Amino acid sequence: MAWRAVALDALPDEPWRNGGGRTRTITAQPRAAGDPPWDWRISVATIEQSAAFSAFPGVDRASLLLGSGSLELSADGEPTVRLHQPGDVAVYRGDAHWQAEIRRFGPPLSLLNAMTRRGAACGRVRAVRDDAVVSGHALAVVVVDGVWRLTDAPSGDAVVLSAGCCAVRDGAAGRASACSRIERVSGAGWLAAVSIARV
């Protein structure tokens, strides 16, 4: 299956389950029963003020700062997590009760989040500023700046995305891994990429 593209603002905007922020789910792999009700979930969260994060026992989290501002996460018994520059990434355990302290310079703070159920999947989140190849059982990108081309392998199908758009490739069959090439079309820019691998 090739990439599916959509404007980020077109995704449903939902409150966090603890009411501390809002989120737009880009893609998720549901499971039949249990909490959480998915093996992985990729989303973009917006935070207007310092707030507690919901706890997700048995889940590993990775967050990437999409815009200006800064975020500091603290929890009892855990090392402090700090994101200061767009593209900064933090990996941390969802089991802890994290408190987020934010500094914002205009719009709400925006984070790309990948959450994976431990023992079922693992995720990698990174900022991409030049041409790259990504692979995984599920892939997602959020274009922050510039124009980018995503080319599916082996079909060669391509989609071109601009800032504010996201795309998902989650059609890898069985335990096969999808692979795509990311190319920057514009002179400058960057995007955030997520790769999910089944365990």
Protein backbone atom coordinates (compact mmCIF):
# COMPACT_ATOMS: atom_id res chain seq x y z
CA MET A 1 0.00 0.00 0.00
CA ALA A 2 1.30 3.45 -0.92
CA TRP A 3 1.36 6.58 1.23
CA ARG A 4 -1.95 8.15 2.29
CA ALA A 5 -1.69 11.92 2.67
CA VAL A 6 -3.93 14.34 4.56
CA ALA A 7 -3.74 17.86 5.94
CA LEU A 8 -2.94 17.66 9.64
CA ASP A 9 -5.71 20.15 10.45
CA ALA A 10 -8.24 17.83 8.76
CA LEU A 11 -7.70 15.11 11.39
CA PRO A 12 -10.19 15.02 14.29
CA ASP A 13 -9.09 17.15 17.25
CA GLU A 14 -9.74 15.34 20.55
CA PRO A 15 -9.08 16.18 24.21
CA TRP A 16 -6.53 14.16 26.16
CA ARG A 17 -8.12 11.59 28.40
CA ASN A 18 -6.98 13.67 31.43
CA GLY A 19 -8.06 16.97 29.82
CA GLY A 20 -4.57 18.52 29.89
CA GLY A 21 -4.20 19.03 26.14
CA ARG A 22 -5.52 18.03 22.74
CA THR A 23 -4.41 15.48 20.17
CA ARG A 24 -4.89 14.47 16.54
CA THR A 25 -4.34 10.76 15.84
CA ILE A 26 -2.45 10.15 12.59
CA THR A 27 -2.60 6.34 12.72
CA ALA A 28 -2.98 3.53 15.25
CA GLN A 29 -2.92 -0.27 15.25
CA PRO A 30 -5.91 -1.39 17.35
CA ARG A 31 -6.06 -4.63 19.30
CA ALA A 32 -9.10 -6.62 20.37
CA ALA A 33 -8.89 -6.10 24.14
CA GLY A 34 -6.83 -4.50 26.88
CA ASP A 35 -5.55 -1.11 27.90
CA PRO A 36 -4.25 0.56 25.85
CA PRO A 37 -6.59 -0.56 23.04
CA TRP A 38 -3.75 -0.36 20.48
CA ASP A 39 -0.30 -1.80 19.83
CA TRP A 40 0.92 1.58 18.61
CA ARG A 41 -0.42 5.06 18.11
CA ILE A 42 1.10 8.05 16.28
CA SER A 43 -0.37 11.47 17.00
CA VAL A 44 0.29 15.19 17.22
CA ALA A 45 -0.49 16.85 20.56
CA THR A 46 -0.98 20.53 21.31
CA ILE A 47 -0.35 21.89 24.81
CA GLU A 48 -1.42 25.41 25.77
CA GLN A 49 -0.09 25.38 29.33
CA SER A 50 1.91 23.25 31.75
CA ALA A 51 -0.05 20.06 32.46
CA ALA A 52 0.19 16.46 33.58
CA PHE A 53 0.61 13.74 30.97
CA SER A 54 -1.66 10.71 31.17
CA ALA A 55 0.04 7.55 32.40
CA PHE A 56 0.16 4.61 29.97
CA PRO A 57 1.41 1.53 31.85
CA GLY A 58 3.33 -0.90 29.65
CA VAL A 59 3.88 1.72 26.93
CA ASP A 60 7.07 3.33 25.63
CA ARG A 61 6.82 6.91 24.38
CA ALA A 62 8.84 9.04 21.97
CA SER A 63 8.14 12.74 21.43
CA LEU A 64 9.53 15.24 18.92
CA LEU A 65 9.14 19.00 19.29
CA LEU A 66 7.54 20.34 16.09
CA GLY A 67 7.62 24.10 16.70
CA SER A 68 9.04 26.86 18.83
CA GLY A 69 8.93 26.71 22.62
CA SER A 70 10.36 24.28 25.12
CA LEU A 71 9.17 21.34 27.18
CA GLU A 72 10.50 19.79 30.38
CA LEU A 73 9.07 16.53 31.71
CA SER A 74 9.62 15.37 35.26
CA ALA A 75 8.40 12.32 37.19
CA ASP A 76 9.36 10.63 40.46
CA GLY A 77 12.21 8.17 39.92
CA GLU A 78 12.77 9.17 36.29
CA PRO A 79 15.46 11.32 34.64
CA THR A 80 14.21 14.74 33.57
CA VAL A 81 13.32 15.02 29.88
CA ARG A 82 14.02 18.30 28.05
CA LEU A 83 13.09 19.45 24.53
CA HIS A 84 14.38 22.92 23.62
CA GLN A 85 14.70 23.11 19.82
CA PRO A 86 12.39 22.09 16.98
CA GLY A 87 13.36 18.54 16.05
CA ASP A 88 14.53 17.58 19.56
CA VAL A 89 13.47 14.02 20.48
CA ALA A 90 12.91 12.39 23.86
CA VAL A 91 12.25 8.71 24.64
CA TYR A 92 10.61 7.86 27.98
CA ARG A 93 8.40 5.35 29.77
CA GLY A 94 4.66 5.83 29.67
CA ASP A 95 4.27 4.13 33.06
CA ALA A 96 5.40 7.23 34.99
CA HIS A 97 3.18 10.17 35.95
CA TRP A 98 4.92 12.92 33.98
CA GLN A 99 4.40 16.60 34.65
CA ALA A 100 5.04 18.84 31.62
CA GLU A 101 6.36 22.37 32.14
CA ILE A 102 6.23 24.37 28.94
CA ARG A 103 7.43 27.70 27.62
CA ARG A 104 5.67 28.92 24.50
CA PHE A 105 6.28 31.88 22.24
CA GLY A 106 2.93 32.29 20.50
CA PRO A 107 0.91 29.27 19.37
CA PRO A 108 0.39 26.19 21.58
CA LEU A 109 3.33 23.82 21.88
CA SER A 110 3.15 21.02 19.31
CA LEU A 111 4.58 17.50 19.76
CA LEU A 112 4.70 14.49 17.48
CA ASN A 113 4.18 11.42 19.68
CA ALA A 114 4.73 7.73 19.00
CA MET A 115 3.46 5.32 21.66
CA THR A 116 4.15 1.59 21.43
CA ARG A 117 2.91 -1.20 23.66
CA ARG A 118 5.96 -2.86 25.21
CA GLY A 119 6.48 -6.38 23.84
CA ALA A 120 4.32 -5.70 20.77
CA ALA A 121 6.15 -2.93 18.91
CA CYS A 122 8.90 -0.35 19.13
CA GLY A 123 9.12 3.06 17.52
CA ARG A 124 11.71 5.52 16.26
CA VAL A 125 11.03 9.24 15.83
CA ARG A 126 13.49 11.58 14.11
CA ALA A 127 13.83 14.90 12.35
CA VAL A 128 14.74 14.59 8.65
CA ARG A 129 16.44 17.55 6.98
CA ASP A 130 17.96 15.85 3.91
CA ASP A 131 17.11 12.90 1.67
CA ALA A 132 16.64 9.67 3.63
CA VAL A 133 15.26 6.15 3.49
CA VAL A 134 12.76 4.98 6.11
CA SER A 135 11.48 1.47 6.78
CA GLY A 136 9.13 -0.21 9.22
CA HIS A 137 5.84 -2.05 9.55
CA ALA A 138 4.17 1.36 9.78
CA LEU A 139 5.56 4.71 8.67
CA ALA A 140 4.34 8.27 9.19
CA VAL A 141 5.67 11.73 8.40
CA VAL A 142 4.66 15.26 9.34
CA VAL A 143 6.02 18.03 7.11
CA VAL A 144 7.02 21.03 9.20
CA ASP A 145 8.66 23.15 6.50
CA GLY A 146 9.33 22.92 2.77
CA VAL A 147 8.13 20.52 0.09
CA TRP A 148 8.97 16.79 0.14
CA ARG A 149 8.49 13.76 -2.08
CA LEU A 150 7.80 10.31 -0.62
CA THR A 151 8.45 7.42 -2.99
CA ASP A 152 7.08 3.98 -2.23
CA ALA A 153 9.26 0.90 -2.74
CA PRO A 154 9.07 -1.25 -4.77
CA SER A 155 6.11 0.28 -6.68
CA GLY A 156 7.68 3.69 -7.27
CA ASP A 157 4.40 5.45 -6.46
CA ALA A 158 5.10 8.94 -5.12
CA VAL A 159 3.29 11.68 -3.23
CA VAL A 160 4.42 15.28 -2.75
CA LEU A 161 3.71 17.00 0.57
CA SER A 162 4.04 20.57 1.80
CA ALA A 163 4.12 22.08 5.30
CA GLY A 164 1.09 21.19 7.41
CA CYS A 165 0.54 17.84 5.70
CA CYS A 166 1.11 14.36 7.06
CA ALA A 167 1.17 10.94 5.44
CA VAL A 168 0.97 7.32 6.58
CA ARG A 169 2.12 4.06 5.07
CA ASP A 170 0.78 1.17 7.13
CA GLY A 171 -0.05 -1.50 4.58
CA ALA A 172 2.89 -3.88 5.10
CA ALA A 173 1.48 -7.39 5.07
CA GLY A 174 2.24 -9.88 7.83
CA ARG A 175 5.64 -9.19 9.37
CA ALA A 176 7.06 -7.58 6.20
CA SER A 177 8.61 -4.13 6.46
CA ALA A 178 7.62 -1.19 4.26
CA CYS A 179 10.37 0.94 2.75
CA SER A 180 10.22 4.43 1.24
CA ARG A 181 12.57 7.17 0.09
CA ILE A 182 12.14 10.72 1.37
CA GLU A 183 13.47 13.53 -0.83
CA ARG A 184 13.45 17.27 -0.21
CA VAL A 185 12.04 19.10 -3.24
CA SER A 186 12.38 22.64 -1.91
CA GLY A 187 15.69 24.35 -1.16
CA ALA A 188 15.22 24.05 2.59
CA GLY A 189 12.87 22.48 5.09
CA TRP A 190 12.44 19.55 7.44
CA LEU A 191 9.96 16.90 8.44
CA ALA A 192 9.40 14.51 11.31
CA ALA A 193 9.40 10.77 10.53
CA VAL A 194 8.16 7.84 12.58
CA SER A 195 9.04 4.19 11.97
CA ILE A 196 7.19 1.44 13.84
CA ALA A 197 8.56 -2.13 13.99
CA ARG A 198 6.70 -5.13 15.35
CA VAL A 199 8.51 -7.07 18.05
